[in-house]
């Protein structure tokens, strides 16, 4: 995986190509497939991406297996955090942040 812009890292494998980006609400990488089975639409802009449809990321945390959820629309480099997110940015819209320094190549 390598950085292809200040916002995105590209990955490939298992017949798929995708990007990861830094989610400031979850403070972790999230990813989307842009080529191959199950691909999202992508506008081709590496600095102001649009991915369609919405991006839903779910996982569990801790021994109690608490369900976490991040649900967004990413349009023209802006991240709209939907109300069903389980973090503090739910309901807000912010610019897609640059990748943290340790994730840049």
N, C-alpha and C. Protein backbone atom coordinates (compact mmCIF):
# COMPACT_ATOMS: atom_id res chain seq x y z
N UNK A 1 0.86 -1.16 0.00
CA UNK A 1 0.00 0.00 0.00
C UNK A 1 0.91 1.23 0.00
N UNK A 2 0.56 2.20 -0.83
CA UNK A 2 1.37 3.41 -0.88
C UNK A 2 0.49 4.64 -1.09
N UNK A 3 0.98 5.76 -0.58
CA UNK A 3 0.25 7.02 -0.73
C UNK A 3 0.29 7.45 -2.20
N UNK A 4 -0.87 7.83 -2.75
CA UNK A 4 -0.95 8.33 -4.12
C UNK A 4 -1.33 9.81 -4.13
N UNK A 5 -1.66 10.34 -2.97
CA UNK A 5 -1.96 11.76 -2.81
C UNK A 5 -1.85 12.07 -1.32
N UNK A 6 -2.10 13.31 -0.97
CA UNK A 6 -2.06 13.67 0.45
C UNK A 6 -3.23 13.06 1.21
N UNK A 7 -4.27 12.59 0.48
CA UNK A 7 -5.50 12.09 1.09
C UNK A 7 -5.67 10.58 1.03
N UNK A 8 -5.07 9.92 0.04
CA UNK A 8 -5.38 8.51 -0.25
C UNK A 8 -4.15 7.62 -0.34
N UNK A 9 -4.32 6.38 0.10
CA UNK A 9 -3.35 5.31 -0.11
C UNK A 9 -4.01 4.28 -1.02
N UNK A 10 -3.27 3.74 -1.97
CA UNK A 10 -3.81 2.77 -2.91
C UNK A 10 -3.37 1.37 -2.52
N UNK A 11 -4.26 0.40 -2.72
CA UNK A 11 -3.94 -1.00 -2.47
C UNK A 11 -4.51 -1.85 -3.60
N UNK A 12 -3.97 -3.04 -3.76
CA UNK A 12 -4.48 -3.97 -4.78
C UNK A 12 -4.28 -5.39 -4.26
N UNK A 13 -5.22 -6.27 -4.62
CA UNK A 13 -5.12 -7.68 -4.26
C UNK A 13 -6.42 -8.40 -4.49
N UNK A 14 -6.33 -9.69 -4.72
CA UNK A 14 -7.52 -10.53 -4.92
C UNK A 14 -8.43 -9.99 -6.02
N UNK A 15 -7.85 -9.45 -7.10
CA UNK A 15 -8.64 -8.95 -8.21
C UNK A 15 -9.34 -7.63 -7.94
N UNK A 16 -8.93 -6.94 -6.89
CA UNK A 16 -9.55 -5.67 -6.53
C UNK A 16 -8.48 -4.59 -6.40
N UNK A 17 -8.90 -3.35 -6.61
CA UNK A 17 -8.06 -2.17 -6.38
C UNK A 17 -8.90 -1.22 -5.54
N UNK A 18 -8.26 -0.60 -4.57
CA UNK A 18 -9.01 0.33 -3.73
C UNK A 18 -8.14 1.40 -3.12
N UNK A 19 -8.78 2.23 -2.34
CA UNK A 19 -8.10 3.31 -1.64
C UNK A 19 -8.46 3.25 -0.16
N UNK A 20 -7.54 3.65 0.68
CA UNK A 20 -7.84 3.90 2.08
C UNK A 20 -7.64 5.39 2.33
N UNK A 21 -8.35 5.89 3.30
CA UNK A 21 -8.28 7.30 3.68
C UNK A 21 -8.40 7.37 5.19
N UNK A 22 -7.94 8.48 5.76
CA UNK A 22 -7.98 8.67 7.21
C UNK A 22 -9.33 9.22 7.61
N UNK A 23 -9.98 8.54 8.55
CA UNK A 23 -11.24 9.01 9.09
C UNK A 23 -10.94 9.74 10.40
N UNK A 24 -11.23 11.04 10.42
CA UNK A 24 -10.96 11.83 11.61
C UNK A 24 -11.95 11.54 12.73
N UNK A 25 -13.10 10.98 12.42
CA UNK A 25 -14.06 10.61 13.45
C UNK A 25 -13.65 9.36 14.19
N UNK A 26 -13.13 8.39 13.46
CA UNK A 26 -12.74 7.10 14.05
C UNK A 26 -11.25 7.05 14.41
N UNK A 27 -10.49 7.99 13.87
CA UNK A 27 -9.04 8.03 14.04
C UNK A 27 -8.41 6.72 13.58
N UNK A 28 -8.82 6.30 12.37
CA UNK A 28 -8.25 5.11 11.75
C UNK A 28 -8.52 5.16 10.25
N UNK A 29 -7.87 4.27 9.51
CA UNK A 29 -8.09 4.17 8.08
C UNK A 29 -9.40 3.46 7.78
N UNK A 30 -10.09 3.91 6.75
CA UNK A 30 -11.24 3.21 6.17
C UNK A 30 -10.91 3.02 4.70
N UNK A 31 -11.57 2.06 4.07
CA UNK A 31 -11.25 1.80 2.67
C UNK A 31 -12.46 1.54 1.80
N UNK A 32 -12.24 1.74 0.49
CA UNK A 32 -13.25 1.46 -0.52
C UNK A 32 -12.59 0.75 -1.70
N UNK A 33 -13.33 -0.15 -2.32
CA UNK A 33 -12.90 -0.82 -3.55
C UNK A 33 -13.36 0.05 -4.71
N UNK A 34 -12.45 0.33 -5.67
CA UNK A 34 -12.83 1.13 -6.83
C UNK A 34 -12.74 0.36 -8.14
N UNK A 35 -12.12 -0.82 -8.13
CA UNK A 35 -12.06 -1.69 -9.30
C UNK A 35 -12.23 -3.12 -8.83
N UNK A 36 -13.08 -3.87 -9.53
CA UNK A 36 -13.31 -5.26 -9.18
C UNK A 36 -14.69 -5.45 -8.57
N UNK A 37 -14.95 -6.67 -8.11
CA UNK A 37 -16.28 -6.97 -7.54
C UNK A 37 -16.63 -6.06 -6.37
N UNK A 38 -17.86 -5.57 -6.37
CA UNK A 38 -18.33 -4.72 -5.28
C UNK A 38 -17.77 -3.32 -5.27
N UNK A 39 -17.29 -2.84 -6.42
CA UNK A 39 -16.63 -1.53 -6.48
C UNK A 39 -17.60 -0.38 -6.28
N UNK A 40 -17.10 0.65 -5.60
CA UNK A 40 -17.80 1.93 -5.46
C UNK A 40 -17.53 2.75 -6.71
N UNK A 41 -18.39 3.72 -6.97
CA UNK A 41 -18.08 4.71 -7.98
C UNK A 41 -16.99 5.63 -7.45
N UNK A 42 -16.13 6.12 -8.33
CA UNK A 42 -15.03 7.00 -7.94
C UNK A 42 -14.85 8.04 -9.04
N UNK A 43 -14.74 9.31 -8.67
CA UNK A 43 -14.62 10.38 -9.65
C UNK A 43 -13.21 10.55 -10.21
N UNK A 44 -12.23 9.79 -9.73
CA UNK A 44 -10.87 9.85 -10.25
C UNK A 44 -10.01 10.95 -9.66
N UNK A 45 -10.56 11.79 -8.81
CA UNK A 45 -9.80 12.90 -8.22
C UNK A 45 -9.14 12.43 -6.93
N UNK A 46 -7.81 12.39 -6.92
CA UNK A 46 -7.06 11.88 -5.77
C UNK A 46 -7.00 12.86 -4.60
N UNK A 47 -7.23 14.14 -4.84
CA UNK A 47 -7.20 15.14 -3.77
C UNK A 47 -8.59 15.51 -3.26
N UNK A 48 -9.60 15.42 -4.14
CA UNK A 48 -10.99 15.76 -3.77
C UNK A 48 -11.90 14.63 -4.24
N UNK A 49 -11.72 13.44 -3.64
CA UNK A 49 -12.46 12.29 -4.14
C UNK A 49 -13.95 12.34 -3.84
N UNK A 50 -14.69 11.65 -4.71
CA UNK A 50 -16.09 11.33 -4.48
C UNK A 50 -16.20 9.82 -4.62
N UNK A 51 -16.78 9.18 -3.61
CA UNK A 51 -17.06 7.75 -3.67
C UNK A 51 -18.57 7.58 -3.53
N UNK A 52 -19.15 6.74 -4.40
CA UNK A 52 -20.59 6.50 -4.32
C UNK A 52 -20.87 5.01 -4.38
N UNK A 53 -21.83 4.50 -3.65
CA UNK A 53 -22.73 5.21 -2.75
C UNK A 53 -22.03 5.55 -1.43
N UNK A 54 -22.78 5.61 -0.34
CA UNK A 54 -22.20 5.93 0.96
C UNK A 54 -21.21 4.84 1.37
N UNK A 55 -20.32 5.21 2.30
CA UNK A 55 -19.33 4.27 2.84
C UNK A 55 -19.76 3.93 4.26
N UNK A 56 -19.99 2.64 4.52
CA UNK A 56 -20.38 2.17 5.84
C UNK A 56 -19.28 1.26 6.36
N UNK A 57 -18.72 1.61 7.50
CA UNK A 57 -17.69 0.81 8.16
C UNK A 57 -18.21 0.43 9.54
N UNK A 58 -18.19 -0.87 9.85
CA UNK A 58 -18.63 -1.34 11.17
C UNK A 58 -17.58 -2.28 11.74
N UNK A 59 -17.47 -2.31 13.05
CA UNK A 59 -16.58 -3.22 13.75
C UNK A 59 -17.00 -3.29 15.20
N UNK A 60 -16.41 -4.22 15.94
CA UNK A 60 -16.67 -4.30 17.37
C UNK A 60 -15.38 -4.01 18.12
N UNK A 61 -15.54 -3.49 19.33
CA UNK A 61 -14.40 -3.10 20.16
C UNK A 61 -14.53 -3.67 21.55
N UNK A 62 -13.38 -4.02 22.12
CA UNK A 62 -13.31 -4.41 23.52
C UNK A 62 -13.91 -5.76 23.84
N UNK A 63 -13.69 -6.18 25.07
CA UNK A 63 -14.19 -7.49 25.50
C UNK A 63 -15.72 -7.57 25.51
N UNK A 64 -16.37 -6.42 25.62
CA UNK A 64 -17.84 -6.41 25.59
C UNK A 64 -18.36 -6.42 24.15
N UNK A 65 -17.43 -6.35 23.17
CA UNK A 65 -17.78 -6.37 21.75
C UNK A 65 -18.81 -5.29 21.41
N UNK A 66 -18.50 -4.06 21.80
CA UNK A 66 -19.37 -2.93 21.53
C UNK A 66 -19.32 -2.61 20.04
N UNK A 67 -20.50 -2.53 19.41
CA UNK A 67 -20.56 -2.25 17.98
C UNK A 67 -20.28 -0.78 17.71
N UNK A 68 -19.36 -0.55 16.78
CA UNK A 68 -19.00 0.80 16.33
C UNK A 68 -19.42 0.94 14.86
N UNK A 69 -19.73 2.17 14.47
CA UNK A 69 -20.25 2.39 13.13
C UNK A 69 -19.80 3.77 12.63
N UNK A 70 -19.36 3.81 11.39
CA UNK A 70 -19.04 5.06 10.72
C UNK A 70 -19.71 5.01 9.36
N UNK A 71 -20.61 5.94 9.10
CA UNK A 71 -21.40 5.95 7.87
C UNK A 71 -21.28 7.33 7.27
N UNK A 72 -20.74 7.40 6.05
CA UNK A 72 -20.42 8.70 5.45
C UNK A 72 -20.79 8.76 3.97
N UNK A 73 -20.97 9.98 3.52
CA UNK A 73 -20.91 10.30 2.10
C UNK A 73 -19.63 11.08 1.90
N UNK A 74 -18.84 10.72 0.91
CA UNK A 74 -17.62 11.46 0.58
C UNK A 74 -17.83 12.04 -0.81
N UNK A 75 -17.95 13.37 -0.86
CA UNK A 75 -18.29 14.07 -2.09
C UNK A 75 -17.37 15.26 -2.27
N UNK A 76 -16.64 15.26 -3.39
CA UNK A 76 -15.75 16.36 -3.73
C UNK A 76 -14.82 16.73 -2.57
N UNK A 77 -14.29 15.71 -1.91
CA UNK A 77 -13.33 15.92 -0.83
C UNK A 77 -13.93 16.31 0.51
N UNK A 78 -15.24 16.29 0.61
CA UNK A 78 -15.92 16.60 1.88
C UNK A 78 -16.54 15.32 2.43
N UNK A 79 -16.44 15.14 3.74
CA UNK A 79 -16.97 13.95 4.40
C UNK A 79 -18.20 14.37 5.21
N UNK A 80 -19.34 13.83 4.82
CA UNK A 80 -20.58 14.05 5.57
C UNK A 80 -20.79 12.84 6.46
N UNK A 81 -20.64 13.04 7.76
CA UNK A 81 -20.83 11.97 8.74
C UNK A 81 -22.32 11.87 9.04
N UNK A 82 -22.91 10.74 8.74
CA UNK A 82 -24.35 10.57 8.93
C UNK A 82 -24.68 10.41 10.41
N UNK A 83 -25.93 10.61 10.75
CA UNK A 83 -26.38 10.61 12.14
C UNK A 83 -26.21 9.27 12.84
N UNK A 84 -26.08 8.17 12.07
CA UNK A 84 -25.94 6.86 12.70
C UNK A 84 -24.50 6.51 13.06
N UNK A 85 -23.55 7.43 12.87
CA UNK A 85 -22.17 7.20 13.33
C UNK A 85 -22.15 7.13 14.85
N UNK A 86 -21.24 6.35 15.39
CA UNK A 86 -21.14 6.20 16.84
C UNK A 86 -20.04 7.07 17.45
N UNK A 87 -19.54 8.03 16.68
CA UNK A 87 -18.50 8.92 17.22
C UNK A 87 -18.99 10.36 17.25
N UNK A 88 -18.14 11.23 17.75
CA UNK A 88 -18.54 12.63 18.01
C UNK A 88 -18.80 13.46 16.75
N UNK A 89 -18.38 12.99 15.58
CA UNK A 89 -18.60 13.77 14.37
C UNK A 89 -19.93 13.45 13.68
N UNK A 90 -20.75 12.59 14.26
CA UNK A 90 -22.06 12.27 13.68
C UNK A 90 -22.83 13.55 13.41
N UNK A 91 -23.37 13.66 12.19
CA UNK A 91 -24.16 14.82 11.82
C UNK A 91 -23.36 16.01 11.31
N UNK A 92 -22.03 15.89 11.25
CA UNK A 92 -21.19 17.01 10.81
C UNK A 92 -20.63 16.73 9.42
N UNK A 93 -20.15 17.77 8.76
CA UNK A 93 -19.46 17.67 7.48
C UNK A 93 -18.12 18.38 7.60
N UNK A 94 -17.04 17.68 7.23
CA UNK A 94 -15.69 18.22 7.31
C UNK A 94 -14.91 17.84 6.07
N UNK A 95 -13.85 18.59 5.75
CA UNK A 95 -12.98 18.20 4.64
C UNK A 95 -12.29 16.87 4.95
N UNK A 96 -12.08 16.06 3.92
CA UNK A 96 -11.29 14.84 4.08
C UNK A 96 -9.88 15.25 4.50
N UNK A 97 -9.39 14.74 5.62
CA UNK A 97 -8.08 15.21 6.10
C UNK A 97 -6.93 14.58 5.32
N UNK A 98 -5.77 15.21 5.42
CA UNK A 98 -4.56 14.59 4.92
C UNK A 98 -4.26 13.34 5.74
N UNK A 99 -3.58 12.40 5.11
CA UNK A 99 -3.12 11.22 5.83
C UNK A 99 -2.16 11.63 6.93
N UNK A 100 -2.20 10.98 8.08
CA UNK A 100 -1.20 11.27 9.12
C UNK A 100 0.21 10.99 8.58
N UNK A 101 1.15 11.70 9.10
CA UNK A 101 2.54 11.59 8.65
C UNK A 101 3.05 10.15 8.60
N UNK A 102 2.71 9.34 9.61
CA UNK A 102 3.24 7.97 9.66
C UNK A 102 2.64 7.06 8.59
N UNK A 103 1.61 7.52 7.87
CA UNK A 103 0.99 6.70 6.81
C UNK A 103 1.37 7.17 5.41
N UNK A 104 2.20 8.20 5.31
CA UNK A 104 2.65 8.68 4.01
C UNK A 104 3.92 7.95 3.63
N UNK A 105 4.08 7.71 2.35
CA UNK A 105 5.30 7.03 1.85
C UNK A 105 6.22 8.03 1.20
